[in-house]
Amino acid sequence: MKLTMALLTLATPLLAQTYDIVLANGRAMDPESNLDAVRHVGIRGGRIAAVSASPLEGRTVVDIKGQVITAGFIDLHSHGQTPENYAYKARDGVTTALEMEAGVSPVTQWYAAREAGHSLISAATSGHIPARMAVLHDSGGLLPRDAAASSVGTPDEQKQIVELVRQGLDEGGLESVWALPMFRKRAVKKSLKCFAWQPNVAFRSTCTCATGGQSSRV
């Protein structure tokens, strides 16, 4: 009986609680549960604390009738990894921005620059493009401009590129990514040889190859 009373005391109805912010009358859409209905969302401490079919009490109540409440969008192809870009993406409902196509290198340095003060979750792949540009001293920015676009590179330089990509995986890269159309024909053929890894240097990751027009995972 005492246990029953305790449970009843703890199970305070949602309606009796006061939230920091209530988003009222919005169309709640949740792909995971297939929810698509008008709901009232209670937010406390910056987190969603309640989703209710009945009105909720809040210090601030915003009537969003006719607007959609849903999970934050994940942008898989986001080259704009700056505070300014994050601010615009947040206004479009994006909560996670991933640099998946070109990738980054060094990965540790990239993550360190985004440890604090940014509004979105961000992550990146370990990129063949930036690794190749670093080893061959290319003068480009996001993409190769000269040496990395045309030079085949020495066997030692090829080993350095592979090692940088592998190091990026160890540092938290989501996977390895190789965008071969960014390079001229001879450089592409040479880069393809990087896939002939020995067992002791095999990547512990999936690998995405952008082959022009579409990406293929290997």
N, C-alpha and C. Protein backbone atom coordinates (compact mmCIF):
# COMPACT_ATOMS: atom_id res chain seq x y z
N MET A 1 0.83 -1.21 0.00
CA MET A 1 0.00 0.00 0.00
C MET A 1 0.86 1.25 0.00
N LYS A 2 1.92 1.23 0.85
CA LYS A 2 2.83 2.38 0.90
C LYS A 2 3.52 2.57 -0.44
N LEU A 3 3.92 1.43 -1.08
CA LEU A 3 4.56 1.49 -2.38
C LEU A 3 3.61 2.08 -3.41
N THR A 4 2.34 1.67 -3.34
CA THR A 4 1.35 2.20 -4.27
C THR A 4 1.17 3.69 -4.12
N MET A 5 1.13 4.14 -2.88
CA MET A 5 0.98 5.57 -2.62
C MET A 5 2.19 6.35 -3.11
N ALA A 6 3.38 5.75 -2.93
CA ALA A 6 4.61 6.42 -3.37
C ALA A 6 4.61 6.57 -4.88
N LEU A 7 4.21 5.52 -5.58
CA LEU A 7 4.17 5.57 -7.03
C LEU A 7 3.17 6.60 -7.53
N LEU A 8 2.04 6.68 -6.85
CA LEU A 8 1.03 7.66 -7.24
C LEU A 8 1.54 9.07 -7.02
N THR A 9 2.33 9.26 -5.97
CA THR A 9 2.88 10.58 -5.68
C THR A 9 3.90 10.99 -6.73
N LEU A 10 4.74 9.99 -7.14
CA LEU A 10 5.79 10.29 -8.12
C LEU A 10 5.20 10.51 -9.51
N ALA A 11 4.13 9.84 -9.81
CA ALA A 11 3.53 9.92 -11.15
C ALA A 11 2.68 11.18 -11.28
N THR A 12 3.31 12.32 -11.13
CA THR A 12 2.60 13.59 -11.26
C THR A 12 2.13 13.78 -12.70
N PRO A 13 0.90 14.07 -12.93
CA PRO A 13 0.40 14.24 -14.29
C PRO A 13 1.18 15.34 -15.02
N LEU A 14 1.38 15.11 -16.29
CA LEU A 14 2.08 16.10 -17.10
C LEU A 14 1.42 17.46 -17.04
N LEU A 15 0.09 17.44 -16.96
CA LEU A 15 -0.65 18.69 -17.01
C LEU A 15 -0.38 19.56 -15.79
N ALA A 16 0.01 18.95 -14.67
CA ALA A 16 0.22 19.72 -13.44
C ALA A 16 1.62 20.32 -13.38
N GLN A 17 2.48 19.95 -14.30
CA GLN A 17 3.85 20.44 -14.28
C GLN A 17 3.96 21.75 -15.06
N THR A 18 4.97 22.53 -14.69
CA THR A 18 5.24 23.78 -15.41
C THR A 18 6.57 23.64 -16.13
N TYR A 19 6.57 23.97 -17.40
CA TYR A 19 7.76 23.84 -18.23
C TYR A 19 8.34 25.22 -18.53
N ASP A 20 9.61 25.25 -18.88
CA ASP A 20 10.24 26.53 -19.23
C ASP A 20 9.57 27.11 -20.48
N ILE A 21 9.42 26.25 -21.46
CA ILE A 21 8.82 26.67 -22.73
C ILE A 21 7.84 25.59 -23.18
N VAL A 22 6.70 25.99 -23.68
CA VAL A 22 5.75 25.06 -24.27
C VAL A 22 5.50 25.47 -25.71
N LEU A 23 5.70 24.54 -26.62
CA LEU A 23 5.35 24.76 -28.02
C LEU A 23 3.98 24.13 -28.21
N ALA A 24 2.98 24.96 -28.38
CA ALA A 24 1.59 24.49 -28.37
C ALA A 24 1.01 24.36 -29.78
N ASN A 25 0.22 23.33 -29.96
CA ASN A 25 -0.59 23.14 -31.17
C ASN A 25 0.22 22.90 -32.44
N GLY A 26 1.44 22.42 -32.29
CA GLY A 26 2.24 22.14 -33.48
C GLY A 26 1.98 20.75 -34.04
N ARG A 27 2.28 20.56 -35.29
CA ARG A 27 2.16 19.25 -35.92
C ARG A 27 3.43 18.46 -35.63
N ALA A 28 3.35 17.50 -34.71
CA ALA A 28 4.51 16.71 -34.32
C ALA A 28 4.67 15.54 -35.27
N MET A 29 5.88 15.41 -35.87
CA MET A 29 6.15 14.32 -36.81
C MET A 29 7.41 13.59 -36.33
N ASP A 30 7.26 12.30 -36.10
CA ASP A 30 8.37 11.48 -35.62
C ASP A 30 8.47 10.22 -36.49
N PRO A 31 9.46 10.16 -37.38
CA PRO A 31 9.59 9.00 -38.27
C PRO A 31 9.76 7.68 -37.53
N GLU A 32 10.40 7.71 -36.37
CA GLU A 32 10.67 6.47 -35.63
C GLU A 32 9.37 5.81 -35.14
N SER A 33 8.45 6.63 -34.63
CA SER A 33 7.20 6.08 -34.09
C SER A 33 6.02 6.26 -35.03
N ASN A 34 6.25 6.92 -36.17
CA ASN A 34 5.19 7.22 -37.14
C ASN A 34 4.15 8.19 -36.60
N LEU A 35 4.52 8.93 -35.56
CA LEU A 35 3.61 9.95 -35.04
C LEU A 35 3.46 11.09 -36.03
N ASP A 36 2.23 11.47 -36.29
CA ASP A 36 1.94 12.63 -37.14
C ASP A 36 0.61 13.20 -36.65
N ALA A 37 0.69 14.09 -35.66
CA ALA A 37 -0.52 14.61 -35.03
C ALA A 37 -0.21 15.92 -34.32
N VAL A 38 -1.25 16.65 -33.98
CA VAL A 38 -1.09 17.89 -33.22
C VAL A 38 -0.71 17.54 -31.79
N ARG A 39 0.36 18.15 -31.30
CA ARG A 39 0.85 17.88 -29.96
C ARG A 39 1.35 19.16 -29.30
N HIS A 40 1.49 19.09 -27.98
CA HIS A 40 2.05 20.17 -27.19
C HIS A 40 3.37 19.66 -26.61
N VAL A 41 4.45 20.41 -26.82
CA VAL A 41 5.77 19.95 -26.41
C VAL A 41 6.28 20.82 -25.27
N GLY A 42 6.60 20.16 -24.15
CA GLY A 42 7.13 20.87 -22.99
C GLY A 42 8.63 20.76 -22.93
N ILE A 43 9.31 21.90 -22.76
CA ILE A 43 10.77 21.94 -22.73
C ILE A 43 11.22 22.43 -21.37
N ARG A 44 12.16 21.70 -20.77
CA ARG A 44 12.70 22.09 -19.48
C ARG A 44 14.22 21.90 -19.50
N GLY A 45 14.94 22.93 -19.08
CA GLY A 45 16.39 22.82 -19.05
C GLY A 45 17.01 22.60 -20.42
N GLY A 46 16.34 23.12 -21.45
CA GLY A 46 16.88 22.99 -22.80
C GLY A 46 16.61 21.64 -23.45
N ARG A 47 15.82 20.79 -22.79
CA ARG A 47 15.53 19.46 -23.34
C ARG A 47 14.02 19.23 -23.39
N ILE A 48 13.60 18.42 -24.35
CA ILE A 48 12.19 18.05 -24.43
C ILE A 48 11.84 17.17 -23.25
N ALA A 49 10.88 17.59 -22.45
CA ALA A 49 10.49 16.85 -21.25
C ALA A 49 9.13 16.18 -21.40
N ALA A 50 8.33 16.65 -22.33
CA ALA A 50 7.00 16.06 -22.48
C ALA A 50 6.46 16.34 -23.88
N VAL A 51 5.74 15.35 -24.41
CA VAL A 51 4.99 15.50 -25.65
C VAL A 51 3.57 15.04 -25.32
N SER A 52 2.63 15.96 -25.38
CA SER A 52 1.29 15.67 -24.87
C SER A 52 0.21 16.03 -25.88
N ALA A 53 -0.86 15.23 -25.87
CA ALA A 53 -2.02 15.54 -26.71
C ALA A 53 -2.87 16.64 -26.07
N SER A 54 -2.64 16.90 -24.78
CA SER A 54 -3.40 17.93 -24.06
C SER A 54 -2.51 19.14 -23.81
N PRO A 55 -3.08 20.32 -23.64
CA PRO A 55 -2.29 21.53 -23.39
C PRO A 55 -1.42 21.40 -22.14
N LEU A 56 -0.26 22.06 -22.18
CA LEU A 56 0.68 22.05 -21.06
C LEU A 56 0.87 23.46 -20.54
N GLU A 57 1.29 23.57 -19.29
CA GLU A 57 1.58 24.86 -18.68
C GLU A 57 3.07 25.18 -18.83
N GLY A 58 3.34 26.44 -19.16
CA GLY A 58 4.74 26.84 -19.30
C GLY A 58 4.95 28.30 -18.96
N ARG A 59 6.19 28.61 -18.55
CA ARG A 59 6.50 30.03 -18.28
C ARG A 59 6.37 30.85 -19.56
N THR A 60 6.74 30.21 -20.66
CA THR A 60 6.55 30.82 -21.98
C THR A 60 5.80 29.82 -22.84
N VAL A 61 4.71 30.25 -23.42
CA VAL A 61 3.93 29.38 -24.29
C VAL A 61 3.89 30.01 -25.68
N VAL A 62 4.34 29.25 -26.67
CA VAL A 62 4.37 29.73 -28.04
C VAL A 62 3.38 28.91 -28.87
N ASP A 63 2.40 29.57 -29.43
CA ASP A 63 1.42 28.88 -30.26
C ASP A 63 1.99 28.72 -31.66
N ILE A 64 2.28 27.49 -32.06
CA ILE A 64 2.89 27.25 -33.37
C ILE A 64 1.92 26.48 -34.29
N LYS A 65 0.67 26.76 -34.15
CA LYS A 65 -0.34 26.10 -34.98
C LYS A 65 0.01 26.26 -36.46
N GLY A 66 -0.04 25.16 -37.19
CA GLY A 66 0.26 25.19 -38.61
C GLY A 66 1.73 24.94 -38.92
N GLN A 67 2.58 24.84 -37.88
CA GLN A 67 3.99 24.58 -38.08
C GLN A 67 4.34 23.18 -37.60
N VAL A 68 5.49 22.68 -38.07
CA VAL A 68 5.89 21.30 -37.80
C VAL A 68 6.95 21.24 -36.70
N ILE A 69 6.77 20.30 -35.78
CA ILE A 69 7.81 19.98 -34.80
C ILE A 69 8.33 18.59 -35.15
N THR A 70 9.62 18.47 -35.35
CA THR A 70 10.16 17.17 -35.70
C THR A 70 11.60 17.07 -35.21
N ALA A 71 12.18 15.90 -35.37
CA ALA A 71 13.57 15.71 -34.97
C ALA A 71 14.47 16.57 -35.86
N GLY A 72 15.62 16.98 -35.30
CA GLY A 72 16.55 17.79 -36.07
C GLY A 72 17.08 17.04 -37.29
N PHE A 73 17.30 17.78 -38.38
CA PHE A 73 17.80 17.18 -39.61
C PHE A 73 19.30 16.94 -39.53
N ILE A 74 19.77 15.89 -40.21
CA ILE A 74 21.19 15.57 -40.29
C ILE A 74 21.65 15.86 -41.72
N ASP A 75 22.57 16.80 -41.87
CA ASP A 75 23.11 17.16 -43.18
C ASP A 75 24.38 16.33 -43.41
N LEU A 76 24.30 15.37 -44.33
CA LEU A 76 25.42 14.46 -44.57
C LEU A 76 26.49 15.05 -45.48
N HIS A 77 26.17 16.12 -46.17
CA HIS A 77 27.08 16.70 -47.17
C HIS A 77 27.24 18.18 -46.88
N SER A 78 28.01 18.48 -45.85
CA SER A 78 28.10 19.87 -45.40
C SER A 78 29.54 20.35 -45.43
N HIS A 79 29.88 21.11 -46.47
CA HIS A 79 31.23 21.69 -46.54
C HIS A 79 31.33 22.96 -45.70
N GLY A 80 30.19 23.58 -45.43
CA GLY A 80 30.20 24.81 -44.64
C GLY A 80 30.30 24.50 -43.16
N GLN A 81 31.49 24.36 -42.65
CA GLN A 81 31.71 23.98 -41.25
C GLN A 81 32.27 25.16 -40.46
N THR A 82 31.50 26.25 -40.45
CA THR A 82 31.90 27.46 -39.74
C THR A 82 30.73 27.92 -38.87
N PRO A 83 30.98 28.74 -37.85
CA PRO A 83 29.89 29.25 -37.01
C PRO A 83 28.79 29.93 -37.82
N GLU A 84 29.15 30.68 -38.85
CA GLU A 84 28.15 31.36 -39.67
C GLU A 84 27.25 30.35 -40.38
N ASN A 85 27.88 29.32 -40.96
CA ASN A 85 27.09 28.28 -41.64
C ASN A 85 26.22 27.53 -40.66
N TYR A 86 26.75 27.24 -39.48
CA TYR A 86 25.97 26.52 -38.47
C TYR A 86 24.72 27.32 -38.08
N ALA A 87 24.87 28.64 -37.97
CA ALA A 87 23.74 29.48 -37.58
C ALA A 87 22.62 29.41 -38.61
N TYR A 88 22.98 29.45 -39.89
CA TYR A 88 21.97 29.36 -40.94
C TYR A 88 21.34 27.97 -40.98
N LYS A 89 22.15 26.94 -40.80
CA LYS A 89 21.62 25.58 -40.83
C LYS A 89 20.63 25.36 -39.68
N ALA A 90 20.96 25.90 -38.51
CA ALA A 90 20.07 25.75 -37.35
C ALA A 90 18.70 26.36 -37.65
N ARG A 91 18.70 27.47 -38.37
CA ARG A 91 17.42 28.11 -38.74
C ARG A 91 16.62 27.25 -39.72
N ASP A 92 17.29 26.35 -40.41
CA ASP A 92 16.61 25.45 -41.33
C ASP A 92 16.26 24.11 -40.67
N GLY A 93 16.52 23.99 -39.36
CA GLY A 93 16.16 22.77 -38.66
C GLY A 93 17.26 21.72 -38.61
N VAL A 94 18.45 22.08 -39.08
CA VAL A 94 19.57 21.14 -39.03
C VAL A 94 20.20 21.17 -37.64
N THR A 95 20.42 19.99 -37.05
CA THR A 95 21.09 19.92 -35.75
C THR A 95 22.44 19.21 -35.83
N THR A 96 22.68 18.48 -36.93
CA THR A 96 23.95 17.77 -37.11
C THR A 96 24.46 18.03 -38.52
N ALA A 97 25.70 18.50 -38.62
CA ALA A 97 26.31 18.78 -39.92
C ALA A 97 27.56 17.91 -40.08
N LEU A 98 27.58 17.07 -41.11
CA LEU A 98 28.68 16.13 -41.31
C LEU A 98 29.44 16.44 -42.60
N GLU A 99 30.75 16.49 -42.50
CA GLU A 99 31.61 16.64 -43.68
C GLU A 99 31.97 15.22 -44.14
N MET A 100 31.12 14.67 -45.02
CA MET A 100 31.27 13.27 -45.41
C MET A 100 31.92 13.08 -46.77
N GLU A 101 31.86 14.09 -47.64
CA GLU A 101 32.34 13.87 -49.01
C GLU A 101 33.83 14.07 -49.13
N ALA A 102 34.32 15.27 -48.85
CA ALA A 102 35.75 15.54 -48.99
C ALA A 102 36.54 15.00 -47.80
N GLY A 103 35.90 15.01 -46.62
CA GLY A 103 36.61 14.59 -45.43
C GLY A 103 37.58 15.66 -44.95
N VAL A 104 38.29 15.37 -43.86
CA VAL A 104 39.24 16.32 -43.30
C VAL A 104 40.53 15.60 -42.91
N SER A 105 41.57 16.39 -42.72
CA SER A 105 42.85 15.89 -42.21
C SER A 105 43.69 17.10 -41.83
N PRO A 106 44.28 17.08 -40.63
CA PRO A 106 44.18 16.07 -39.57
C PRO A 106 42.84 16.16 -38.83
N VAL A 107 42.30 15.01 -38.48
CA VAL A 107 40.98 14.93 -37.86
C VAL A 107 40.98 15.54 -36.46
N THR A 108 42.01 15.24 -35.67
CA THR A 108 42.08 15.77 -34.30
C THR A 108 42.01 17.29 -34.28
N GLN A 109 42.75 17.92 -35.15
CA GLN A 109 42.77 19.38 -35.22
C GLN A 109 41.41 19.93 -35.61
N TRP A 110 40.74 19.23 -36.53
CA TRP A 110 39.41 19.68 -36.99
C TRP A 110 38.41 19.62 -35.84
N TYR A 111 38.41 18.53 -35.08
CA TYR A 111 37.48 18.41 -33.95
C TYR A 111 37.81 19.43 -32.86
N ALA A 112 39.10 19.65 -32.61
CA ALA A 112 39.51 20.58 -31.55
C ALA A 112 38.98 21.99 -31.82
N ALA A 113 38.93 22.37 -33.09
CA ALA A 113 38.45 23.71 -33.46
C ALA A 113 36.95 23.86 -33.24
N ARG A 114 36.27 22.74 -32.99
CA ARG A 114 34.81 22.78 -32.83
C ARG A 114 34.35 22.23 -31.49
N GLU A 115 35.23 22.24 -30.52
CA GLU A 115 34.91 21.67 -29.20
C GLU A 115 33.87 22.48 -28.44
N ALA A 116 33.89 23.78 -28.59
CA ALA A 116 32.98 24.61 -27.79
C ALA A 116 32.51 25.80 -28.62
N GLY A 117 31.37 26.32 -28.22
CA GLY A 117 30.88 27.55 -28.83
C GLY A 117 30.18 27.39 -30.15
N HIS A 118 29.85 26.15 -30.54
CA HIS A 118 29.15 25.94 -31.80
C HIS A 118 27.74 25.42 -31.53
N SER A 119 26.82 25.80 -32.38
CA SER A 119 25.41 25.50 -32.13
C SER A 119 24.98 24.13 -32.63
N LEU A 120 25.79 23.48 -33.48
CA LEU A 120 25.40 22.20 -34.05
C LEU A 120 26.36 21.08 -33.63
N ILE A 121 25.88 19.84 -33.77
CA ILE A 121 26.75 18.68 -33.65
C ILE A 121 27.47 18.53 -34.99
N SER A 122 28.77 18.32 -34.97
CA SER A 122 29.51 18.19 -36.23
C SER A 122 30.48 17.02 -36.15
N ALA A 123 30.72 16.40 -37.29
CA ALA A 123 31.67 15.29 -37.38
C ALA A 123 32.12 15.19 -38.83
N ALA A 124 33.19 14.41 -39.06
CA ALA A 124 33.75 14.35 -40.41
C ALA A 124 34.38 12.98 -40.67
N THR A 125 34.55 12.70 -41.95
CA THR A 125 35.29 11.51 -42.35
C THR A 125 36.77 11.83 -42.43
N SER A 126 37.58 10.78 -42.45
CA SER A 126 39.02 10.94 -42.68
C SER A 126 39.23 10.97 -44.19
N GLY A 127 39.66 12.10 -44.71
CA GLY A 127 39.63 12.32 -46.15
C GLY A 127 40.92 12.07 -46.89
N HIS A 128 40.82 11.36 -48.00
CA HIS A 128 41.94 11.16 -48.91
C HIS A 128 42.34 12.48 -49.57
N ILE A 129 41.35 13.33 -49.90
CA ILE A 129 41.66 14.59 -50.57
C ILE A 129 42.57 15.48 -49.72
N PRO A 130 42.19 15.85 -48.49
CA PRO A 130 43.07 16.71 -47.70
C PRO A 130 44.39 16.04 -47.33
N ALA A 131 44.39 14.71 -47.15
CA ALA A 131 45.64 14.02 -46.85
C ALA A 131 46.59 14.10 -48.04
N ARG A 132 46.05 13.88 -49.22
CA ARG A 132 46.86 13.95 -50.45
C ARG A 132 47.38 15.37 -50.68
N MET A 133 46.52 16.36 -50.42
CA MET A 133 46.93 17.75 -50.60
C MET A 133 48.05 18.12 -49.62
N ALA A 134 47.97 17.59 -48.41
CA ALA A 134 49.00 17.90 -47.41
C ALA A 134 50.34 17.28 -47.79
N VAL A 135 50.32 16.03 -48.20
CA VAL A 135 51.57 15.33 -48.52
C VAL A 135 52.22 15.91 -49.76
N LEU A 136 51.42 16.27 -50.76
CA LEU A 136 51.96 16.78 -52.03
C LEU A 136 52.06 18.30 -52.06
N HIS A 137 51.75 18.94 -50.92
CA HIS A 137 51.88 20.41 -50.80
C HIS A 137 51.07 21.15 -51.86
N ASP A 138 49.83 20.75 -52.01
CA ASP A 138 48.93 21.41 -52.95
C ASP A 138 48.51 22.77 -52.38
N SER A 139 48.30 23.75 -53.25
CA SER A 139 47.97 25.11 -52.81
C SER A 139 46.46 25.35 -52.73
N GLY A 140 45.64 24.33 -52.99
CA GLY A 140 44.20 24.52 -52.98
C GLY A 140 43.62 24.65 -51.58
N GLY A 141 42.28 24.85 -51.54
CA GLY A 141 41.58 24.98 -50.26
C GLY A 141 40.84 23.70 -49.95
N LEU A 142 39.52 23.70 -50.22
CA LEU A 142 38.73 22.50 -50.01
C LEU A 142 39.13 21.40 -50.98
N LEU A 143 39.43 21.79 -52.23
CA LEU A 143 39.77 20.84 -53.28
C LEU A 143 41.16 21.12 -53.84
N PRO A 144 41.81 20.11 -54.43
CA PRO A 144 43.16 20.30 -54.98
C PRO A 144 43.16 21.27 -56.16
N ARG A 145 44.25 22.00 -56.26
CA ARG A 145 44.39 23.00 -57.33
C ARG A 145 45.51 22.65 -58.29
N ASP A 146 46.60 22.08 -57.79
CA ASP A 146 47.74 21.84 -58.65
C ASP A 146 48.40 20.48 -58.39
N ALA A 147 49.36 20.42 -57.48
CA ALA A 147 50.16 19.21 -57.30
C ALA A 147 49.32 17.97 -57.01
N ALA A 148 48.36 18.08 -56.12
CA ALA A 148 47.57 16.91 -55.73
C ALA A 148 46.60 16.48 -56.82
N ALA A 149 46.29 17.37 -57.76
CA ALA A 149 45.36 17.04 -58.83
C ALA A 149 46.03 16.33 -59.99
N SER A 150 47.34 16.53 -60.13
CA SER A 150 48.01 16.01 -61.32
C SER A 150 49.19 15.09 -61.02
N SER A 151 49.86 15.28 -59.91
CA SER A 151 51.06 14.49 -59.62
C SER A 151 50.70 13.09 -59.17
N VAL A 152 51.43 12.11 -59.68
CA VAL A 152 51.23 10.73 -59.25
C VAL A 152 51.75 10.53 -57.84
N GLY A 153 52.83 11.18 -57.50
CA GLY A 153 53.42 11.02 -56.18
C GLY A 153 54.35 9.82 -56.13
N THR A 154 55.33 9.88 -55.27
CA THR A 154 56.29 8.79 -55.13
C THR A 154 55.68 7.67 -54.28
N PRO A 155 56.24 6.49 -54.32
CA PRO A 155 55.74 5.41 -53.45
C PRO A 155 55.73 5.81 -51.98
N ASP A 156 56.74 6.56 -51.56
CA ASP A 156 56.79 6.99 -50.17
C ASP A 156 55.65 7.97 -49.86
N GLU A 157 55.36 8.86 -50.82
CA GLU A 157 54.26 9.81 -50.61
C GLU A 157 52.92 9.08 -50.56
N GLN A 158 52.76 8.04 -51.38
CA GLN A 158 51.53 7.26 -51.34
C GLN A 158 51.36 6.60 -49.98
N LYS A 159 52.43 6.10 -49.42
CA LYS A 159 52.37 5.49 -48.09
C LYS A 159 51.99 6.53 -47.04
N GLN A 160 52.52 7.74 -47.18
CA GLN A 160 52.19 8.81 -46.23
C GLN A 160 50.70 9.16 -46.30
N ILE A 161 50.16 9.19 -47.51
CA ILE A 161 48.74 9.51 -47.68
C ILE A 161 47.88 8.45 -46.99
N VAL A 162 48.19 7.18 -47.25
CA VAL A 162 47.43 6.10 -46.63
C VAL A 162 47.52 6.17 -45.12
N GLU A 163 48.72 6.45 -44.61
CA GLU A 163 48.90 6.53 -43.17
C GLU A 163 48.12 7.68 -42.56
N LEU A 164 48.06 8.81 -43.24
CA LEU A 164 47.29 9.95 -42.73
C LEU A 164 45.79 9.61 -42.67
N VAL A 165 45.29 8.92 -43.71
CA VAL A 165 43.88 8.55 -43.71
C VAL A 165 43.59 7.57 -42.57
N ARG A 166 44.48 6.61 -42.39
CA ARG A 166 44.30 5.64 -41.32
C ARG A 166 44.39 6.32 -39.95
N GLN A 167 45.32 7.24 -39.81
CA GLN A 167 45.46 7.99 -38.56
C GLN A 167 44.18 8.77 -38.26
N GLY A 168 43.56 9.31 -39.31
CA GLY A 168 42.32 10.05 -39.13
C GLY A 168 41.20 9.18 -38.58
N LEU A 169 41.17 7.92 -38.98
CA LEU A 169 40.17 6.99 -38.43
C LEU A 169 40.41 6.77 -36.95
N ASP A 170 41.67 6.61 -36.57
CA ASP A 170 42.00 6.43 -35.15
C ASP A 170 41.65 7.66 -34.32
N GLU A 171 41.62 8.82 -34.98
CA GLU A 171 41.34 10.07 -34.27
C GLU A 171 39.84 10.41 -34.23
N GLY A 172 39.02 9.54 -34.79
CA GLY A 172 37.57 9.77 -34.70
C GLY A 172 36.88 10.03 -36.02
N GLY A 173 37.57 9.85 -37.14
CA GLY A 173 36.91 10.01 -38.43
C GLY A 173 35.81 8.97 -38.58
N LEU A 174 34.67 9.37 -39.15
CA LEU A 174 33.52 8.48 -39.25
C LEU A 174 33.80 7.28 -40.15
N GLU A 175 34.54 7.50 -41.21
CA GLU A 175 34.98 6.46 -42.13
C GLU A 175 36.03 7.10 -43.03
N SER A 176 36.61 6.32 -43.93
CA SER A 176 37.55 6.92 -44.89
C SER A 176 36.81 7.22 -46.18
N VAL A 177 37.20 8.30 -46.83
CA VAL A 177 36.51 8.70 -48.06
C VAL A 177 37.54 9.07 -49.12
N TRP A 178 37.31 8.58 -50.34
CA TRP A 178 38.25 8.78 -51.45
C TRP A 178 37.47 9.35 -52.63
N ALA A 179 37.73 10.58 -52.99
CA ALA A 179 37.00 11.25 -54.08
C ALA A 179 37.89 11.29 -55.31
N LEU A 180 37.89 10.22 -56.06
CA LEU A 180 38.84 10.06 -57.16
C LEU A 180 38.63 11.01 -58.34
N PRO A 181 37.40 11.45 -58.68
CA PRO A 181 37.25 12.33 -59.84
C PRO A 181 37.92 13.69 -59.68
N MET A 182 38.37 14.01 -58.47
CA MET A 182 39.03 15.30 -58.25
C MET A 182 40.43 15.32 -58.86
N PHE A 183 40.92 14.14 -59.29
CA PHE A 183 42.30 14.05 -59.77
C PHE A 183 42.34 13.62 -61.23
N ARG A 184 43.43 13.95 -61.89
CA ARG A 184 43.57 13.57 -63.28
C ARG A 184 43.82 12.07 -63.41
N LYS A 185 43.71 11.55 -64.64
CA LYS A 185 43.66 10.12 -64.88
C LYS A 185 44.81 9.36 -64.25
N ARG A 186 46.05 9.82 -64.44
CA ARG A 186 47.21 9.09 -63.89
C ARG A 186 47.16 9.08 -62.38
N ALA A 187 46.72 10.20 -61.77
CA ALA A 187 46.64 10.27 -60.31
C ALA A 187 45.56 9.34 -59.78
N VAL A 188 44.45 9.21 -60.53
CA VAL A 188 43.38 8.31 -60.11
C VAL A 188 43.87 6.87 -60.10
N LYS A 189 44.56 6.45 -61.17
CA LYS A 189 45.07 5.08 -61.24
C LYS A 189 46.03 4.80 -60.08
N LYS A 190 46.85 5.77 -59.76
CA LYS A 190 47.80 5.58 -58.66
C LYS A 190 47.06 5.51 -57.33
N SER A 191 46.03 6.34 -57.18
CA SER A 191 45.27 6.34 -55.93
C SER A 191 44.55 5.02 -55.72
N LEU A 192 44.06 4.41 -56.81
CA LEU A 192 43.35 3.15 -56.69
C LEU A 192 44.24 2.06 -56.11
N LYS A 193 45.55 2.17 -56.32
CA LYS A 193 46.46 1.17 -55.78
C LYS A 193 46.50 1.22 -54.25
N CYS A 194 46.04 2.33 -53.69
CA CYS A 194 46.02 2.43 -52.23
C CYS A 194 45.06 1.42 -51.61
N PHE A 195 44.13 0.88 -52.44
CA PHE A 195 43.16 -0.07 -51.90
C PHE A 195 43.77 -1.46 -51.75
N ALA A 196 44.95 -1.66 -52.32
CA ALA A 196 45.62 -2.96 -52.19
C ALA A 196 46.42 -3.01 -50.90
N TRP A 197 45.72 -2.79 -49.78
CA TRP A 197 46.40 -2.77 -48.48
C TRP A 197 46.77 -4.17 -48.03
N GLN A 198 47.88 -4.27 -47.32
CA GLN A 198 48.24 -5.52 -46.67
C GLN A 198 47.35 -5.70 -45.44
N PRO A 199 47.14 -6.93 -44.96
CA PRO A 199 46.26 -7.15 -43.80
C PRO A 199 46.65 -6.32 -42.59
N ASN A 200 47.96 -6.09 -42.40
CA ASN A 200 48.38 -5.37 -41.20
C ASN A 200 48.12 -3.87 -41.27
N VAL A 201 47.69 -3.37 -42.44
CA VAL A 201 47.38 -1.95 -42.53
C VAL A 201 45.93 -1.73 -42.99
N ALA A 202 45.13 -2.80 -42.96
CA ALA A 202 43.74 -2.67 -43.41
C ALA A 202 42.98 -1.70 -42.51
N PHE A 203 42.11 -0.91 -43.10
CA PHE A 203 41.33 0.07 -42.36
C PHE A 203 40.21 -0.63 -41.59
N ARG A 204 40.01 -0.19 -40.36
CA ARG A 204 38.92 -0.71 -39.54
C ARG A 204 37.69 0.16 -39.79
N SER A 205 37.27 0.27 -41.02
CA SER A 205 36.18 1.18 -41.35
C SER A 205 35.63 0.87 -42.73
N THR A 206 34.41 1.32 -42.98
CA THR A 206 33.91 1.33 -44.34
C THR A 206 34.62 2.44 -45.10
N CYS A 207 34.56 2.38 -46.40
CA CYS A 207 35.22 3.38 -47.23
C CYS A 207 34.26 3.83 -48.31
N THR A 208 34.14 5.13 -48.50
CA THR A 208 33.28 5.68 -49.54
C THR A 208 34.14 6.24 -50.66
N CYS A 209 33.84 5.83 -51.89
CA CYS A 209 34.54 6.36 -53.07
C CYS A 209 33.58 7.19 -53.88
N ALA A 210 33.85 8.48 -54.00
CA ALA A 210 33.05 9.34 -54.87
C ALA A 210 33.59 9.17 -56.28
N THR A 211 32.78 8.58 -57.16
CA THR A 211 33.26 8.24 -58.48
C THR A 211 32.65 9.10 -59.58
N GLY A 212 32.06 10.22 -59.20
CA GLY A 212 31.48 11.12 -60.19
C GLY A 212 30.02 10.81 -60.40
N GLY A 213 29.15 11.71 -59.91
CA GLY A 213 27.72 11.49 -60.07
C GLY A 213 27.10 10.71 -58.93
N GLN A 214 27.87 9.82 -58.31
CA GLN A 214 27.36 9.07 -57.18
C GLN A 214 28.53 8.56 -56.35
N SER A 215 28.24 8.11 -55.14
CA SER A 215 29.27 7.58 -54.27
C SER A 215 29.02 6.09 -54.07
N SER A 216 30.11 5.33 -53.99
CA SER A 216 30.01 3.89 -53.78
C SER A 216 30.76 3.52 -52.51
N ARG A 217 30.16 2.67 -51.68
CA ARG A 217 30.80 2.24 -50.45
C ARG A 217 31.44 0.89 -50.67
N VAL A 218 32.68 0.75 -50.21
CA VAL A 218 33.39 -0.52 -50.35
C VAL A 218 33.91 -0.95 -49.00
